[in-house]
Amino acid sequence: MARPRFVLNRRNIAGFLKSPETHALIERKTRAAAEAAASDGGQYRVDVEAGDKRVRGAVIGDYSTNDPEVSRVALLRALDAAREVE
């Protein structure tokens, strides 16, 4: 049986990844995750960067504690909040 062959349209994918709509979506989701993680009193930072090929968003750990496990648990819990944002 022949396997289906997929050819990616790289120009359209790159356009989607760099679009203002995608940038806004990534920023909304990372801010929602940071707000949810900080709801217990932690200090988180949001970094959204638009590069040549894509937009990248990150929520950077809890600055109020030296325990990385506390930060990790809060960020994992905050992922649900980011999923709910459109």
C-alpha atoms as a PDB file:
ATOM      1  CA  MET A   1       0.000   0.000   0.000  1.00  0.00           C
ATOM      2  CA  ALA A   2       1.402   3.399  -0.998  1.00  0.00           C
ATOM      3  CA  ARG A   3       2.064   5.874   1.766  1.00  0.00           C
ATOM      4  CA  PRO A   4       0.550   9.331   1.350  1.00  0.00           C
ATOM      5  CA  ARG A   5       3.067  12.078   0.706  1.00  0.00           C
ATOM      6  CA  PHE A   6       2.710  15.449   2.370  1.00  0.00           C
ATOM      7  CA  VAL A   7       4.406  18.548   1.061  1.00  0.00           C
ATOM      8  CA  LEU A   8       4.529  21.428   3.519  1.00  0.00           C
ATOM      9  CA  ASN A   9       3.787  24.918   2.289  1.00  0.00           C
ATOM     10  CA  ARG A  10       6.637  26.579   4.152  1.00  0.00           C
ATOM     11  CA  ARG A  11       5.795  30.107   2.999  1.00  0.00           C
ATOM     12  CA  ASN A  12       2.260  29.919   4.437  1.00  0.00           C
ATOM     13  CA  ILE A  13       3.468  28.269   7.648  1.00  0.00           C
ATOM     14  CA  ALA A  14       6.103  30.980   8.123  1.00  0.00           C
ATOM     15  CA  GLY A  15       3.502  33.655   7.420  1.00  0.00           C
ATOM     16  CA  PHE A  16       1.181  32.171  10.020  1.00  0.00           C
ATOM     17  CA  LEU A  17       3.936  31.917  12.638  1.00  0.00           C
ATOM     18  CA  LYS A  18       4.904  35.578  12.118  1.00  0.00           C
ATOM     19  CA  SER A  19       1.399  37.044  11.799  1.00  0.00           C
ATOM     20  CA  PRO A  20       0.133  39.731  14.206  1.00  0.00           C
ATOM     21  CA  GLU A  21      -2.766  37.453  15.170  1.00  0.00           C
ATOM     22  CA  THR A  22      -0.391  34.667  16.218  1.00  0.00           C
ATOM     23  CA  HIS A  23       1.741  37.179  18.127  1.00  0.00           C
ATOM     24  CA  ALA A  24      -1.341  38.444  20.003  1.00  0.00           C
ATOM     25  CA  LEU A  25      -2.513  34.902  20.775  1.00  0.00           C
ATOM     26  CA  ILE A  26       0.871  33.870  22.170  1.00  0.00           C
ATOM     27  CA  GLU A  27       1.063  37.037  24.252  1.00  0.00           C
ATOM     28  CA  ARG A  28      -2.455  36.495  25.680  1.00  0.00           C
ATOM     29  CA  LYS A  29      -1.718  32.882  26.577  1.00  0.00           C
ATOM     30  CA  THR A  30       1.643  33.585  28.211  1.00  0.00           C
ATOM     31  CA  ARG A  31       0.188  36.474  30.233  1.00  0.00           C
ATOM     32  CA  ALA A  32      -2.709  34.278  31.367  1.00  0.00           C
ATOM     33  CA  ALA A  33      -0.280  31.567  32.474  1.00  0.00           C
ATOM     34  CA  ALA A  34       1.863  34.096  34.369  1.00  0.00           C
ATOM     35  CA  GLU A  35      -1.179  35.613  36.096  1.00  0.00           C
ATOM     36  CA  ALA A  36      -2.468  32.184  37.110  1.00  0.00           C
ATOM     37  CA  ALA A  37       0.947  31.116  38.404  1.00  0.00           C
ATOM     38  CA  ALA A  38       1.276  34.380  40.346  1.00  0.00           C
ATOM     39  CA  SER A  39      -2.153  33.971  41.951  1.00  0.00           C
ATOM     40  CA  ASP A  40      -0.446  32.304  44.939  1.00  0.00           C
ATOM     41  CA  GLY A  41       1.859  35.282  45.405  1.00  0.00           C
ATOM     42  CA  GLY A  42       4.826  34.360  43.215  1.00  0.00           C
ATOM     43  CA  GLN A  43       6.694  36.720  40.896  1.00  0.00           C
ATOM     44  CA  TYR A  44       6.783  35.632  37.247  1.00  0.00           C
ATOM     45  CA  ARG A  45       8.024  37.389  34.128  1.00  0.00           C
ATOM     46  CA  VAL A  46       6.594  37.156  30.615  1.00  0.00           C
ATOM     47  CA  ASP A  47       8.885  37.263  27.605  1.00  0.00           C
ATOM     48  CA  VAL A  48       7.374  37.456  24.111  1.00  0.00           C
ATOM     49  CA  GLU A  49       9.853  37.767  21.274  1.00  0.00           C
ATOM     50  CA  ALA A  50       9.160  38.123  17.559  1.00  0.00           C
ATOM     51  CA  GLY A  51      12.067  36.649  15.634  1.00  0.00           C
ATOM     52  CA  ASP A  52      12.744  36.325  11.923  1.00  0.00           C
ATOM     53  CA  LYS A  53      10.866  33.036  11.581  1.00  0.00           C
ATOM     54  CA  ARG A  54       8.416  32.905  14.495  1.00  0.00           C
ATOM     55  CA  VAL A  55       7.001  34.425  17.657  1.00  0.00           C
ATOM     56  CA  ARG A  56       8.100  32.868  20.943  1.00  0.00           C
ATOM     57  CA  GLY A  57       6.487  33.284  24.337  1.00  0.00           C
ATOM     58  CA  ALA A  58       7.792  32.226  27.740  1.00  0.00           C
ATOM     59  CA  VAL A  59       6.787  32.526  31.361  1.00  0.00           C
ATOM     60  CA  ILE A  60       9.924  32.748  33.436  1.00  0.00           C
ATOM     61  CA  GLY A  61      10.048  31.227  36.936  1.00  0.00           C
ATOM     62  CA  ASP A  62       9.168  32.430  40.378  1.00  0.00           C
ATOM     63  CA  TYR A  63      11.584  35.092  41.592  1.00  0.00           C
ATOM     64  CA  SER A  64      10.141  35.086  45.124  1.00  0.00           C
ATOM     65  CA  THR A  65      11.497  31.627  46.018  1.00  0.00           C
ATOM     66  CA  ASN A  66      14.746  29.718  45.657  1.00  0.00           C
ATOM     67  CA  ASP A  67      12.923  26.387  45.393  1.00  0.00           C
ATOM     68  CA  PRO A  68      12.581  25.416  41.705  1.00  0.00           C
ATOM     69  CA  GLU A  69       9.960  22.796  42.598  1.00  0.00           C
ATOM     70  CA  VAL A  70       7.550  25.494  43.845  1.00  0.00           C
ATOM     71  CA  SER A  71       7.987  27.399  40.591  1.00  0.00           C
ATOM     72  CA  ARG A  72       7.560  24.255  38.481  1.00  0.00           C
ATOM     73  CA  VAL A  73       4.336  23.215  40.222  1.00  0.00           C
ATOM     74  CA  ALA A  74       2.837  26.702  39.882  1.00  0.00           C
ATOM     75  CA  LEU A  75       3.737  26.910  36.183  1.00  0.00           C
ATOM     76  CA  LEU A  76       2.276  23.477  35.459  1.00  0.00           C
ATOM     77  CA  ARG A  77      -0.930  24.446  37.220  1.00  0.00           C
ATOM     78  CA  ALA A  78      -1.030  27.686  35.213  1.00  0.00           C
ATOM     79  CA  LEU A  79      -1.014  25.835  31.894  1.00  0.00           C
ATOM     80  CA  ASP A  80      -4.713  25.093  32.350  1.00  0.00           C
ATOM     81  CA  ALA A  81      -5.414  28.819  32.626  1.00  0.00           C
ATOM     82  CA  ALA A  82      -3.549  29.432  29.364  1.00  0.00           C
ATOM     83  CA  ARG A  83      -5.576  26.731  27.594  1.00  0.00           C
ATOM     84  CA  GLU A  84      -8.824  28.482  28.491  1.00  0.00           C
ATOM     85  CA  VAL A  85      -7.755  31.817  26.936  1.00  0.00           C
ATOM     86  CA  GLU A  86      -8.666  32.385  23.302  1.00  0.00           C
END
